[in-house]
């Protein structure tokens, strides 16, 4: 990695990623995920739960991640969602942010959760925007919810989500959990859509790359 990226600007979105880069001899800067640059979804109806969950890669050094996928026990997940639904009310929508693997898990949850609705990929952003609470183990579902001012319960066993939850100015938007037994005890009340500030590192890196690839007069 050091040989491939030597001399190139390296920008990552969190301190954990920066530490990994430093371990291989690179010197990264930290800036926001590029998704923050997109048009943010507006807040919607503010009703019910939107659930974006799925399996994650378990431990192992050699097998590809797709062959190490593990899922939480649906019994504990469904029990937590039922507690939340009692507190929040409204519909429960299940969305898939990681394709077929999340669809399979959503179907397992739906089979045990009466009246839960499976939302196709085309409706995922609207389902996040329209929720009162988003429950997720998927980074971009959490980011979209925060951008729309929707409360997030995030599985911070996922390092990416732990980093997002620790981002300055997002503490009031995201509550992290490490066990489904914790879910439902406390709900965040965000003051409105979040707009974190960029460090400017990404813009600078892009300008440097454009200059290197397309020098003036070329």
N, C-alpha and C. Protein backbone atom coordinates (compact mmCIF):
# COMPACT_ATOMS: atom_id res chain seq x y z
N UNK A 1 0.84 -1.21 0.00
CA UNK A 1 0.00 0.00 0.00
C UNK A 1 0.87 1.26 0.00
N UNK A 2 1.95 1.19 0.77
CA UNK A 2 2.83 2.35 0.83
C UNK A 2 3.43 2.63 -0.55
N UNK A 3 3.84 1.57 -1.26
CA UNK A 3 4.42 1.76 -2.59
C UNK A 3 3.39 2.30 -3.58
N UNK A 4 2.16 1.82 -3.47
CA UNK A 4 1.13 2.25 -4.40
C UNK A 4 0.74 3.70 -4.19
N UNK A 5 0.75 4.17 -2.95
CA UNK A 5 0.21 5.48 -2.64
C UNK A 5 1.28 6.53 -2.31
N UNK A 6 2.54 6.15 -2.36
CA UNK A 6 3.58 7.11 -2.02
C UNK A 6 3.46 8.36 -2.89
N UNK A 7 3.48 9.51 -2.26
CA UNK A 7 3.39 10.77 -2.98
C UNK A 7 1.98 11.23 -3.26
N UNK A 8 0.99 10.34 -3.08
CA UNK A 8 -0.39 10.72 -3.34
C UNK A 8 -1.03 11.27 -2.07
N UNK A 9 -1.94 12.22 -2.20
CA UNK A 9 -2.66 12.69 -1.01
C UNK A 9 -3.59 11.59 -0.52
N UNK A 10 -3.56 11.32 0.77
CA UNK A 10 -4.40 10.27 1.36
C UNK A 10 -5.33 10.91 2.37
N UNK A 11 -6.63 10.75 2.16
CA UNK A 11 -7.63 11.32 3.05
C UNK A 11 -8.56 10.19 3.50
N UNK A 12 -8.76 10.06 4.80
CA UNK A 12 -9.65 9.05 5.35
C UNK A 12 -10.71 9.73 6.21
N UNK A 13 -11.75 8.97 6.60
CA UNK A 13 -12.88 9.61 7.25
C UNK A 13 -12.88 9.48 8.76
N UNK A 14 -11.92 8.76 9.35
CA UNK A 14 -11.93 8.62 10.81
C UNK A 14 -10.54 8.29 11.33
N UNK A 15 -10.38 8.44 12.63
CA UNK A 15 -9.07 8.25 13.26
C UNK A 15 -8.60 6.80 13.18
N UNK A 16 -9.52 5.83 13.28
CA UNK A 16 -9.14 4.42 13.19
C UNK A 16 -8.51 4.12 11.83
N UNK A 17 -9.13 4.62 10.76
CA UNK A 17 -8.56 4.43 9.42
C UNK A 17 -7.21 5.14 9.30
N UNK A 18 -7.12 6.32 9.90
CA UNK A 18 -5.86 7.05 9.86
C UNK A 18 -4.75 6.26 10.55
N UNK A 19 -5.08 5.63 11.67
CA UNK A 19 -4.09 4.84 12.40
C UNK A 19 -3.59 3.66 11.56
N UNK A 20 -4.50 3.01 10.83
CA UNK A 20 -4.11 1.91 9.95
C UNK A 20 -3.15 2.41 8.87
N UNK A 21 -3.46 3.55 8.29
CA UNK A 21 -2.60 4.12 7.26
C UNK A 21 -1.22 4.47 7.82
N UNK A 22 -1.21 5.04 9.03
CA UNK A 22 0.08 5.39 9.62
C UNK A 22 0.92 4.14 9.89
N UNK A 23 0.24 3.05 10.23
CA UNK A 23 0.96 1.79 10.50
C UNK A 23 1.71 1.27 9.29
N UNK A 24 1.24 1.62 8.09
CA UNK A 24 1.95 1.15 6.88
C UNK A 24 2.85 2.24 6.31
N UNK A 25 3.04 3.31 7.07
CA UNK A 25 4.01 4.33 6.68
C UNK A 25 3.46 5.47 5.86
N UNK A 26 2.13 5.63 5.83
CA UNK A 26 1.53 6.74 5.10
C UNK A 26 1.15 7.85 6.06
N UNK A 27 0.84 9.01 5.53
CA UNK A 27 0.55 10.18 6.36
C UNK A 27 -0.80 10.78 5.94
N UNK A 28 -1.89 10.20 6.42
CA UNK A 28 -3.21 10.63 5.98
C UNK A 28 -3.70 11.88 6.69
N UNK A 29 -4.69 12.51 6.08
CA UNK A 29 -5.47 13.54 6.74
C UNK A 29 -6.89 13.01 6.91
N UNK A 30 -7.63 13.60 7.83
CA UNK A 30 -9.00 13.16 8.11
C UNK A 30 -9.98 14.22 7.62
N UNK A 31 -11.00 13.74 6.92
CA UNK A 31 -12.07 14.63 6.48
C UNK A 31 -13.37 13.83 6.42
N UNK A 32 -14.46 14.51 6.12
CA UNK A 32 -15.77 13.87 6.10
C UNK A 32 -15.89 12.86 4.97
N UNK A 33 -16.75 11.86 5.19
CA UNK A 33 -17.14 10.96 4.12
C UNK A 33 -17.72 11.78 2.97
N UNK A 34 -17.42 11.38 1.74
CA UNK A 34 -17.88 12.14 0.57
C UNK A 34 -19.40 12.19 0.46
N UNK A 35 -20.09 11.26 1.10
CA UNK A 35 -21.56 11.29 1.04
C UNK A 35 -22.11 12.59 1.61
N UNK A 36 -21.39 13.20 2.55
CA UNK A 36 -21.85 14.48 3.10
C UNK A 36 -21.93 15.56 2.03
N UNK A 37 -21.23 15.36 0.91
CA UNK A 37 -21.23 16.35 -0.17
C UNK A 37 -22.49 16.27 -1.03
N UNK A 38 -23.25 15.16 -0.92
CA UNK A 38 -24.45 15.01 -1.72
C UNK A 38 -25.57 15.88 -1.16
N UNK A 39 -26.62 16.07 -1.97
CA UNK A 39 -27.80 16.76 -1.47
C UNK A 39 -28.40 15.93 -0.34
N UNK A 40 -28.62 16.54 0.80
CA UNK A 40 -29.12 15.80 1.96
C UNK A 40 -30.62 15.61 1.87
N UNK A 41 -31.11 14.43 2.28
CA UNK A 41 -32.56 14.23 2.26
C UNK A 41 -33.24 15.09 3.32
N UNK A 42 -34.38 15.65 2.97
CA UNK A 42 -35.13 16.44 3.94
C UNK A 42 -35.86 15.52 4.91
N UNK A 43 -36.14 16.04 6.10
CA UNK A 43 -36.90 15.27 7.07
C UNK A 43 -38.27 14.95 6.50
N UNK A 44 -38.77 13.77 6.85
CA UNK A 44 -40.05 13.33 6.32
C UNK A 44 -41.12 13.29 7.39
N UNK A 45 -41.89 12.19 7.39
CA UNK A 45 -43.06 12.08 8.26
C UNK A 45 -42.69 11.94 9.73
N UNK A 46 -41.52 11.41 10.03
CA UNK A 46 -41.11 11.22 11.42
C UNK A 46 -41.94 10.17 12.14
N UNK A 47 -42.23 9.07 11.43
CA UNK A 47 -43.08 8.04 12.00
C UNK A 47 -42.41 6.67 11.94
N UNK A 48 -42.55 5.90 13.02
CA UNK A 48 -42.16 4.51 13.03
C UNK A 48 -40.67 4.26 13.00
N UNK A 49 -40.32 3.01 12.73
CA UNK A 49 -38.93 2.56 12.72
C UNK A 49 -38.52 2.18 11.30
N UNK A 50 -37.33 2.56 10.93
CA UNK A 50 -36.70 2.01 9.74
C UNK A 50 -35.48 1.22 10.19
N UNK A 51 -35.40 -0.01 9.73
CA UNK A 51 -34.39 -0.96 10.22
C UNK A 51 -33.50 -1.35 9.05
N UNK A 52 -32.20 -1.09 9.19
CA UNK A 52 -31.22 -1.44 8.15
C UNK A 52 -30.13 -2.28 8.81
N UNK A 53 -30.31 -3.58 8.75
CA UNK A 53 -29.40 -4.52 9.42
C UNK A 53 -28.94 -5.58 8.43
N UNK A 54 -27.88 -6.26 8.80
CA UNK A 54 -27.41 -7.36 7.96
C UNK A 54 -26.21 -8.03 8.57
N UNK A 55 -25.80 -9.12 7.98
CA UNK A 55 -24.63 -9.84 8.48
C UNK A 55 -23.34 -9.05 8.26
N UNK A 56 -22.34 -9.37 9.05
CA UNK A 56 -21.02 -8.75 8.91
C UNK A 56 -19.96 -9.85 8.85
N UNK A 57 -18.79 -9.49 8.37
CA UNK A 57 -17.72 -10.48 8.25
C UNK A 57 -17.15 -10.81 9.63
N UNK A 58 -17.16 -12.09 9.97
CA UNK A 58 -16.57 -12.53 11.22
C UNK A 58 -15.07 -12.58 11.15
N UNK A 59 -14.45 -12.98 12.25
CA UNK A 59 -12.99 -13.00 12.33
C UNK A 59 -12.40 -14.02 11.36
N UNK A 60 -11.18 -13.76 10.94
CA UNK A 60 -10.48 -14.67 10.05
C UNK A 60 -9.55 -13.90 9.14
N UNK A 61 -8.40 -14.48 8.84
CA UNK A 61 -7.40 -13.77 8.06
C UNK A 61 -7.41 -14.12 6.59
N UNK A 62 -7.82 -15.34 6.24
CA UNK A 62 -7.57 -15.81 4.89
C UNK A 62 -8.83 -15.94 4.04
N UNK A 63 -9.94 -16.35 4.64
CA UNK A 63 -11.14 -16.51 3.83
C UNK A 63 -11.71 -15.16 3.43
N UNK A 64 -12.26 -15.03 2.22
CA UNK A 64 -12.89 -13.77 1.81
C UNK A 64 -14.02 -13.40 2.77
N UNK A 65 -14.27 -12.09 2.90
CA UNK A 65 -15.28 -11.62 3.82
C UNK A 65 -16.64 -12.23 3.58
N UNK A 66 -17.00 -12.44 2.30
CA UNK A 66 -18.33 -12.97 2.00
C UNK A 66 -18.51 -14.40 2.50
N UNK A 67 -17.39 -15.08 2.78
CA UNK A 67 -17.49 -16.45 3.31
C UNK A 67 -17.38 -16.48 4.82
N UNK A 68 -17.30 -15.30 5.44
CA UNK A 68 -17.23 -15.23 6.90
C UNK A 68 -18.42 -14.48 7.49
N UNK A 69 -19.47 -14.31 6.70
CA UNK A 69 -20.59 -13.51 7.16
C UNK A 69 -21.35 -14.18 8.30
N UNK A 70 -21.62 -13.40 9.33
CA UNK A 70 -22.38 -13.89 10.47
C UNK A 70 -23.48 -12.87 10.79
N UNK A 71 -24.62 -13.38 11.28
CA UNK A 71 -25.75 -12.52 11.61
C UNK A 71 -26.10 -12.66 13.08
N UNK A 72 -26.67 -11.63 13.65
CA UNK A 72 -27.18 -11.71 15.01
C UNK A 72 -28.39 -12.64 15.05
N UNK A 73 -28.64 -13.18 16.22
CA UNK A 73 -29.82 -14.01 16.45
C UNK A 73 -31.08 -13.17 16.25
N UNK A 74 -31.94 -13.59 15.35
CA UNK A 74 -33.13 -12.80 15.06
C UNK A 74 -34.07 -12.70 16.25
N UNK A 75 -34.02 -13.67 17.18
CA UNK A 75 -34.90 -13.60 18.35
C UNK A 75 -34.60 -12.36 19.17
N UNK A 76 -33.31 -12.08 19.41
CA UNK A 76 -32.94 -10.90 20.19
C UNK A 76 -33.21 -9.62 19.42
N UNK A 77 -33.01 -9.66 18.11
CA UNK A 77 -33.26 -8.47 17.29
C UNK A 77 -34.75 -8.13 17.30
N UNK A 78 -35.58 -9.12 17.07
CA UNK A 78 -37.03 -8.90 17.03
C UNK A 78 -37.55 -8.41 18.38
N UNK A 79 -37.04 -8.99 19.46
CA UNK A 79 -37.47 -8.54 20.80
C UNK A 79 -37.13 -7.07 21.01
N UNK A 80 -35.95 -6.66 20.57
CA UNK A 80 -35.55 -5.25 20.71
C UNK A 80 -36.43 -4.35 19.85
N UNK A 81 -36.72 -4.77 18.63
CA UNK A 81 -37.56 -3.96 17.75
C UNK A 81 -38.98 -3.85 18.28
N UNK A 82 -39.48 -4.89 18.90
CA UNK A 82 -40.82 -4.83 19.51
C UNK A 82 -40.84 -3.83 20.66
N UNK A 83 -39.77 -3.80 21.45
CA UNK A 83 -39.70 -2.80 22.53
C UNK A 83 -39.70 -1.39 21.96
N UNK A 84 -38.93 -1.20 20.92
CA UNK A 84 -38.87 0.12 20.29
C UNK A 84 -40.21 0.52 19.68
N UNK A 85 -40.85 -0.43 19.03
CA UNK A 85 -42.13 -0.10 18.41
C UNK A 85 -43.16 0.29 19.47
N UNK A 86 -43.11 -0.35 20.62
CA UNK A 86 -44.02 0.03 21.71
C UNK A 86 -43.76 1.47 22.14
N UNK A 87 -42.48 1.87 22.14
CA UNK A 87 -42.13 3.22 22.58
C UNK A 87 -42.39 4.27 21.52
N UNK A 88 -42.19 3.92 20.25
CA UNK A 88 -42.23 4.89 19.16
C UNK A 88 -43.57 4.88 18.43
N UNK A 89 -44.13 3.68 18.27
CA UNK A 89 -45.35 3.55 17.49
C UNK A 89 -45.06 3.60 16.00
N UNK A 90 -46.10 3.51 15.20
CA UNK A 90 -45.95 3.62 13.76
C UNK A 90 -45.46 2.34 13.11
N UNK A 91 -45.23 2.39 11.81
CA UNK A 91 -44.82 1.19 11.06
C UNK A 91 -43.37 0.81 11.31
N UNK A 92 -43.05 -0.43 10.93
CA UNK A 92 -41.67 -0.89 10.91
C UNK A 92 -41.31 -1.20 9.46
N UNK A 93 -40.28 -0.52 8.95
CA UNK A 93 -39.85 -0.72 7.58
C UNK A 93 -38.46 -1.35 7.60
N UNK A 94 -38.27 -2.36 6.78
CA UNK A 94 -36.99 -3.06 6.69
C UNK A 94 -36.36 -2.76 5.34
N UNK A 95 -35.14 -2.21 5.37
CA UNK A 95 -34.46 -1.86 4.13
C UNK A 95 -33.12 -2.56 4.05
N UNK A 96 -32.65 -2.76 2.83
CA UNK A 96 -31.38 -3.46 2.60
C UNK A 96 -30.38 -2.49 1.98
N UNK A 97 -29.30 -2.22 2.69
CA UNK A 97 -28.26 -1.33 2.17
C UNK A 97 -27.09 -2.10 1.59
N UNK A 98 -27.05 -3.42 1.78
CA UNK A 98 -25.94 -4.22 1.26
C UNK A 98 -26.45 -5.37 0.39
N UNK A 99 -27.48 -5.11 -0.38
CA UNK A 99 -27.93 -6.07 -1.37
C UNK A 99 -28.54 -7.33 -0.79
N UNK A 100 -28.29 -8.46 -1.47
CA UNK A 100 -28.97 -9.71 -1.17
C UNK A 100 -28.73 -10.18 0.26
N UNK A 101 -27.53 -9.94 0.78
CA UNK A 101 -27.25 -10.41 2.14
C UNK A 101 -28.17 -9.74 3.16
N UNK A 102 -28.45 -8.46 2.97
CA UNK A 102 -29.34 -7.76 3.89
C UNK A 102 -30.80 -8.12 3.63
N UNK A 103 -31.13 -8.38 2.37
CA UNK A 103 -32.50 -8.79 2.05
C UNK A 103 -32.84 -10.08 2.77
N UNK A 104 -31.93 -11.03 2.76
CA UNK A 104 -32.19 -12.31 3.43
C UNK A 104 -32.43 -12.11 4.92
N UNK A 105 -31.61 -11.26 5.54
CA UNK A 105 -31.78 -11.03 6.98
C UNK A 105 -33.07 -10.28 7.26
N UNK A 106 -33.41 -9.32 6.40
CA UNK A 106 -34.66 -8.58 6.57
C UNK A 106 -35.86 -9.52 6.49
N UNK A 107 -35.81 -10.48 5.60
CA UNK A 107 -36.92 -11.42 5.48
C UNK A 107 -37.06 -12.29 6.73
N UNK A 108 -35.94 -12.65 7.32
CA UNK A 108 -35.99 -13.42 8.57
C UNK A 108 -36.66 -12.61 9.68
N UNK A 109 -36.31 -11.33 9.76
CA UNK A 109 -36.93 -10.47 10.77
C UNK A 109 -38.41 -10.29 10.48
N UNK A 110 -38.75 -10.04 9.22
CA UNK A 110 -40.14 -9.81 8.85
C UNK A 110 -41.02 -11.02 9.16
N UNK A 111 -40.45 -12.21 9.01
CA UNK A 111 -41.21 -13.42 9.27
C UNK A 111 -41.62 -13.53 10.74
N UNK A 112 -40.84 -12.90 11.62
CA UNK A 112 -41.12 -12.98 13.06
C UNK A 112 -41.71 -11.70 13.62
N UNK A 113 -41.89 -10.68 12.77
CA UNK A 113 -42.37 -9.39 13.25
C UNK A 113 -43.62 -9.00 12.46
N UNK A 114 -44.80 -9.23 13.02
CA UNK A 114 -46.05 -8.97 12.29
C UNK A 114 -46.12 -7.52 11.79
N UNK A 115 -46.60 -7.38 10.58
CA UNK A 115 -46.85 -6.07 9.96
C UNK A 115 -45.59 -5.31 9.56
N UNK A 116 -44.42 -5.93 9.69
CA UNK A 116 -43.21 -5.27 9.20
C UNK A 116 -43.24 -5.24 7.67
N UNK A 117 -42.77 -4.13 7.12
CA UNK A 117 -42.81 -3.93 5.67
C UNK A 117 -41.40 -4.01 5.09
N UNK A 118 -41.24 -4.82 4.04
CA UNK A 118 -39.98 -4.87 3.32
C UNK A 118 -39.98 -3.79 2.24
N UNK A 119 -38.99 -2.92 2.28
CA UNK A 119 -38.89 -1.81 1.34
C UNK A 119 -37.79 -2.12 0.34
N UNK A 120 -38.09 -1.95 -0.97
CA UNK A 120 -37.06 -2.26 -1.96
C UNK A 120 -36.01 -1.16 -2.00
N UNK A 121 -34.95 -1.40 -2.76
CA UNK A 121 -33.81 -0.48 -2.76
C UNK A 121 -34.21 0.92 -3.20
N UNK A 122 -35.17 1.01 -4.12
CA UNK A 122 -35.59 2.31 -4.61
C UNK A 122 -36.24 3.18 -3.55
N UNK A 123 -36.78 2.55 -2.50
CA UNK A 123 -37.44 3.31 -1.45
C UNK A 123 -36.63 3.46 -0.19
N UNK A 124 -35.37 3.04 -0.23
CA UNK A 124 -34.56 3.02 0.99
C UNK A 124 -34.32 4.41 1.57
N UNK A 125 -33.97 5.36 0.72
CA UNK A 125 -33.68 6.71 1.23
C UNK A 125 -34.95 7.34 1.82
N UNK A 126 -36.08 7.17 1.14
CA UNK A 126 -37.33 7.71 1.66
C UNK A 126 -37.70 7.05 2.98
N UNK A 127 -37.46 5.75 3.10
CA UNK A 127 -37.78 5.05 4.35
C UNK A 127 -36.93 5.58 5.50
N UNK A 128 -35.68 5.89 5.24
CA UNK A 128 -34.82 6.47 6.27
C UNK A 128 -35.30 7.87 6.63
N UNK A 129 -35.58 8.67 5.63
CA UNK A 129 -36.00 10.06 5.85
C UNK A 129 -37.31 10.14 6.62
N UNK A 130 -38.23 9.19 6.37
CA UNK A 130 -39.57 9.27 6.95
C UNK A 130 -39.67 8.67 8.34
N UNK A 131 -38.61 8.08 8.85
CA UNK A 131 -38.67 7.38 10.14
C UNK A 131 -38.60 8.36 11.31
N UNK A 132 -39.09 7.89 12.46
CA UNK A 132 -38.83 8.58 13.72
C UNK A 132 -37.49 8.12 14.28
N UNK A 133 -37.18 6.84 14.08
CA UNK A 133 -35.93 6.26 14.56
C UNK A 133 -35.41 5.28 13.50
N UNK A 134 -34.11 5.34 13.25
CA UNK A 134 -33.45 4.36 12.38
C UNK A 134 -32.57 3.47 13.25
N UNK A 135 -32.74 2.17 13.09
CA UNK A 135 -31.94 1.19 13.81
C UNK A 135 -31.06 0.51 12.78
N UNK A 136 -29.74 0.59 12.95
CA UNK A 136 -28.91 0.14 11.85
C UNK A 136 -27.54 -0.39 12.26
N UNK A 137 -27.05 -1.29 11.43
CA UNK A 137 -25.65 -1.70 11.48
C UNK A 137 -24.94 -1.29 10.20
N UNK A 138 -25.57 -0.43 9.42
CA UNK A 138 -25.03 0.03 8.15
C UNK A 138 -24.67 1.51 8.21
N UNK A 139 -23.44 1.80 7.85
CA UNK A 139 -22.89 3.15 7.99
C UNK A 139 -23.71 4.19 7.24
N UNK A 140 -24.00 3.94 5.98
CA UNK A 140 -24.64 4.98 5.20
C UNK A 140 -26.12 5.16 5.54
N UNK A 141 -26.76 4.14 6.08
CA UNK A 141 -28.12 4.34 6.60
C UNK A 141 -28.08 5.31 7.77
N UNK A 142 -27.08 5.14 8.64
CA UNK A 142 -26.94 6.05 9.77
C UNK A 142 -26.61 7.46 9.31
N UNK A 143 -25.71 7.58 8.35
CA UNK A 143 -25.31 8.90 7.87
C UNK A 143 -26.50 9.63 7.23
N UNK A 144 -27.28 8.93 6.42
CA UNK A 144 -28.44 9.56 5.79
C UNK A 144 -29.47 10.00 6.83
N UNK A 145 -29.65 9.17 7.86
CA UNK A 145 -30.60 9.53 8.92
C UNK A 145 -30.14 10.79 9.65
N UNK A 146 -28.87 10.83 9.99
CA UNK A 146 -28.32 12.01 10.68
C UNK A 146 -28.48 13.25 9.82
N UNK A 147 -28.23 13.12 8.52
CA UNK A 147 -28.35 14.26 7.62
C UNK A 147 -29.79 14.75 7.51
N UNK A 148 -30.76 13.86 7.75
CA UNK A 148 -32.16 14.23 7.68
C UNK A 148 -32.74 14.59 9.04
N UNK A 149 -31.93 14.54 10.09
CA UNK A 149 -32.41 14.88 11.42
C UNK A 149 -33.21 13.79 12.08
N UNK A 150 -32.98 12.54 11.68
CA UNK A 150 -33.69 11.39 12.25
C UNK A 150 -32.82 10.74 13.33
N UNK A 151 -33.43 10.35 14.43
CA UNK A 151 -32.70 9.69 15.51
C UNK A 151 -32.14 8.35 15.05
N UNK A 152 -30.94 8.02 15.52
CA UNK A 152 -30.28 6.78 15.10
C UNK A 152 -29.88 5.96 16.31
N UNK A 153 -30.19 4.68 16.26
CA UNK A 153 -29.63 3.68 17.18
C UNK A 153 -28.67 2.84 16.36
N UNK A 154 -27.38 2.94 16.66
CA UNK A 154 -26.36 2.35 15.81
C UNK A 154 -25.61 1.24 16.52
N UNK A 155 -25.39 0.16 15.80
CA UNK A 155 -24.61 -0.97 16.31
C UNK A 155 -23.13 -0.60 16.24
N UNK A 156 -22.58 -0.15 17.36
CA UNK A 156 -21.21 0.35 17.35
C UNK A 156 -20.18 -0.76 17.49
N UNK A 157 -20.63 -2.02 17.42
CA UNK A 157 -19.67 -3.10 17.24
C UNK A 157 -19.02 -3.01 15.87
N UNK A 158 -19.69 -2.31 14.95
CA UNK A 158 -19.12 -2.01 13.65
C UNK A 158 -18.23 -0.77 13.79
N UNK A 159 -16.95 -0.92 13.50
CA UNK A 159 -16.00 0.17 13.74
C UNK A 159 -16.40 1.46 13.01
N UNK A 160 -16.92 1.32 11.80
CA UNK A 160 -17.31 2.51 11.04
C UNK A 160 -18.41 3.29 11.76
N UNK A 161 -19.35 2.55 12.34
CA UNK A 161 -20.45 3.22 13.05
C UNK A 161 -19.98 3.80 14.37
N UNK A 162 -19.06 3.12 15.03
CA UNK A 162 -18.50 3.68 16.26
C UNK A 162 -17.80 5.00 15.97
N UNK A 163 -17.10 5.06 14.85
CA UNK A 163 -16.42 6.29 14.46
C UNK A 163 -17.42 7.39 14.14
N UNK A 164 -18.50 7.05 13.42
CA UNK A 164 -19.51 8.06 13.10
C UNK A 164 -20.17 8.59 14.36
N UNK A 165 -20.48 7.69 15.29
CA UNK A 165 -21.13 8.11 16.53
C UNK A 165 -20.23 9.02 17.36
N UNK A 166 -18.91 8.87 17.20
CA UNK A 166 -17.96 9.67 17.96
C UNK A 166 -17.60 10.98 17.28
N UNK A 167 -18.14 11.22 16.09
CA UNK A 167 -17.84 12.44 15.36
C UNK A 167 -18.39 13.66 16.11
N UNK A 168 -17.59 14.70 16.16
CA UNK A 168 -18.03 15.93 16.83
C UNK A 168 -19.37 16.41 16.26
N UNK A 169 -20.24 16.86 17.13
CA UNK A 169 -21.54 17.42 16.79
C UNK A 169 -22.60 16.38 16.43
N UNK A 170 -22.25 15.09 16.48
CA UNK A 170 -23.25 14.07 16.16
C UNK A 170 -23.72 13.32 17.39
N UNK A 171 -23.20 13.67 18.57
CA UNK A 171 -23.54 12.92 19.78
C UNK A 171 -25.03 12.96 20.08
N UNK A 172 -25.69 14.06 19.75
CA UNK A 172 -27.11 14.17 20.04
C UNK A 172 -27.98 13.45 19.02
N UNK A 173 -27.37 12.97 17.93
CA UNK A 173 -28.12 12.30 16.87
C UNK A 173 -28.06 10.77 16.98
N UNK A 174 -26.97 10.26 17.54
CA UNK A 174 -26.71 8.82 17.48
C UNK A 174 -26.51 8.28 18.89
N UNK A 175 -27.20 7.18 19.19
CA UNK A 175 -26.92 6.41 20.39
C UNK A 175 -26.39 5.05 19.95
N UNK A 176 -25.22 4.69 20.42
CA UNK A 176 -24.63 3.42 20.06
C UNK A 176 -25.04 2.32 21.02
N UNK A 177 -25.07 1.10 20.51
CA UNK A 177 -25.32 -0.05 21.38
C UNK A 177 -24.40 -1.20 20.96
N UNK A 178 -24.08 -2.04 21.92
CA UNK A 178 -23.24 -3.21 21.66
C UNK A 178 -23.97 -4.52 21.93
N UNK A 179 -25.19 -4.41 22.44
CA UNK A 179 -26.02 -5.59 22.72
C UNK A 179 -27.47 -5.22 22.46
N UNK A 180 -28.22 -6.15 21.89
CA UNK A 180 -29.63 -5.88 21.63
C UNK A 180 -30.42 -5.70 22.91
N UNK A 181 -29.91 -6.19 24.03
CA UNK A 181 -30.59 -5.98 25.31
C UNK A 181 -30.60 -4.50 25.70
N UNK A 182 -29.66 -3.71 25.15
CA UNK A 182 -29.59 -2.29 25.47
C UNK A 182 -30.60 -1.46 24.69
N UNK A 183 -31.10 -2.01 23.59
CA UNK A 183 -31.92 -1.22 22.67
C UNK A 183 -33.31 -1.00 23.25
N UNK A 184 -33.75 0.23 23.22
CA UNK A 184 -35.09 0.58 23.68
C UNK A 184 -35.10 1.33 25.00
N UNK A 185 -33.96 1.35 25.69
CA UNK A 185 -33.92 2.02 26.99
C UNK A 185 -33.86 3.53 26.84
N UNK A 186 -33.26 4.01 25.77
CA UNK A 186 -33.05 5.45 25.61
C UNK A 186 -33.05 5.79 24.13
N UNK A 187 -33.73 6.86 23.76
CA UNK A 187 -33.78 7.29 22.38
C UNK A 187 -33.18 8.68 22.24
N UNK A 188 -32.39 8.90 21.20
CA UNK A 188 -31.84 10.24 20.98
C UNK A 188 -32.91 11.19 20.48
N UNK A 189 -32.72 12.47 20.73
CA UNK A 189 -33.64 13.51 20.25
C UNK A 189 -32.83 14.57 19.53
N UNK A 190 -32.50 14.35 18.27
CA UNK A 190 -31.65 15.31 17.56
C UNK A 190 -32.34 16.65 17.39
N UNK A 191 -31.58 17.74 17.47
CA UNK A 191 -32.16 19.08 17.32
C UNK A 191 -32.52 19.43 15.89
N UNK A 192 -32.08 18.62 14.94
CA UNK A 192 -32.34 18.89 13.53
C UNK A 192 -31.28 18.22 12.68
N UNK A 193 -31.34 18.38 11.37
CA UNK A 193 -30.33 17.77 10.49
C UNK A 193 -28.92 18.20 10.86
N UNK A 194 -27.99 17.28 10.76
CA UNK A 194 -26.59 17.57 11.08
C UNK A 194 -25.84 18.01 9.83
N UNK A 195 -24.92 18.92 10.01
CA UNK A 195 -24.07 19.39 8.92
C UNK A 195 -22.65 19.54 9.45
N UNK A 196 -21.91 18.44 9.60
CA UNK A 196 -20.54 18.55 10.09
C UNK A 196 -19.68 19.41 9.16
N UNK A 197 -18.64 19.96 9.72
CA UNK A 197 -17.75 20.83 8.94
C UNK A 197 -16.60 20.03 8.34
N UNK A 198 -16.31 20.29 7.09
CA UNK A 198 -15.19 19.66 6.41
C UNK A 198 -13.88 20.30 6.86
N UNK A 199 -12.83 19.49 6.90
CA UNK A 199 -11.51 20.03 7.20
C UNK A 199 -10.87 20.65 5.97
N UNK A 200 -11.46 20.40 4.81
CA UNK A 200 -10.90 20.90 3.55
C UNK A 200 -9.89 19.98 2.92
N UNK A 201 -9.53 18.89 3.63
CA UNK A 201 -8.49 17.99 3.12
C UNK A 201 -8.90 17.32 1.82
N UNK A 202 -10.17 16.93 1.70
CA UNK A 202 -10.62 16.26 0.49
C UNK A 202 -10.55 17.18 -0.72
N UNK A 203 -11.02 18.41 -0.57
CA UNK A 203 -10.97 19.36 -1.69
C UNK A 203 -9.53 19.60 -2.15
N UNK A 204 -8.64 19.73 -1.17
CA UNK A 204 -7.23 19.95 -1.52
C UNK A 204 -6.66 18.74 -2.25
N UNK A 205 -6.98 17.53 -1.76
CA UNK A 205 -6.48 16.31 -2.39
C UNK A 205 -6.98 16.18 -3.82
N UNK A 206 -8.26 16.48 -4.03
CA UNK A 206 -8.82 16.38 -5.38
C UNK A 206 -8.14 17.38 -6.32
N UNK A 207 -7.93 18.59 -5.85
CA UNK A 207 -7.25 19.59 -6.68
C UNK A 207 -5.83 19.13 -7.03
N UNK A 208 -5.14 18.54 -6.04
CA UNK A 208 -3.77 18.05 -6.29
C UNK A 208 -3.77 16.93 -7.33
N UNK A 209 -4.77 16.03 -7.22
CA UNK A 209 -4.85 14.92 -8.17
C UNK A 209 -5.18 15.41 -9.57
N UNK A 210 -6.09 16.39 -9.66
CA UNK A 210 -6.43 16.94 -10.97
C UNK A 210 -5.22 17.63 -11.61
N UNK A 211 -4.46 18.35 -10.80
CA UNK A 211 -3.26 19.02 -11.31
C UNK A 211 -2.23 18.03 -11.80
N UNK A 212 -2.09 16.90 -11.05
CA UNK A 212 -1.12 15.89 -11.44
C UNK A 212 -1.53 15.16 -12.72
N UNK A 213 -2.84 14.93 -12.86
CA UNK A 213 -3.32 14.18 -14.03
C UNK A 213 -3.50 15.07 -15.26
N UNK A 214 -3.85 16.30 -15.02
CA UNK A 214 -4.17 17.21 -16.12
C UNK A 214 -3.43 18.53 -15.95
N UNK A 215 -2.11 18.55 -16.14
CA UNK A 215 -1.36 19.79 -15.96
C UNK A 215 -1.85 20.86 -16.94
N UNK A 216 -1.70 22.10 -16.53
CA UNK A 216 -2.15 23.21 -17.36
C UNK A 216 -1.44 23.17 -18.71
N UNK A 217 -2.26 23.40 -19.73
CA UNK A 217 -1.72 23.41 -21.07
C UNK A 217 -1.68 22.04 -21.72
N UNK A 218 -2.00 20.98 -20.95
CA UNK A 218 -1.98 19.65 -21.54
C UNK A 218 -3.22 19.42 -22.38
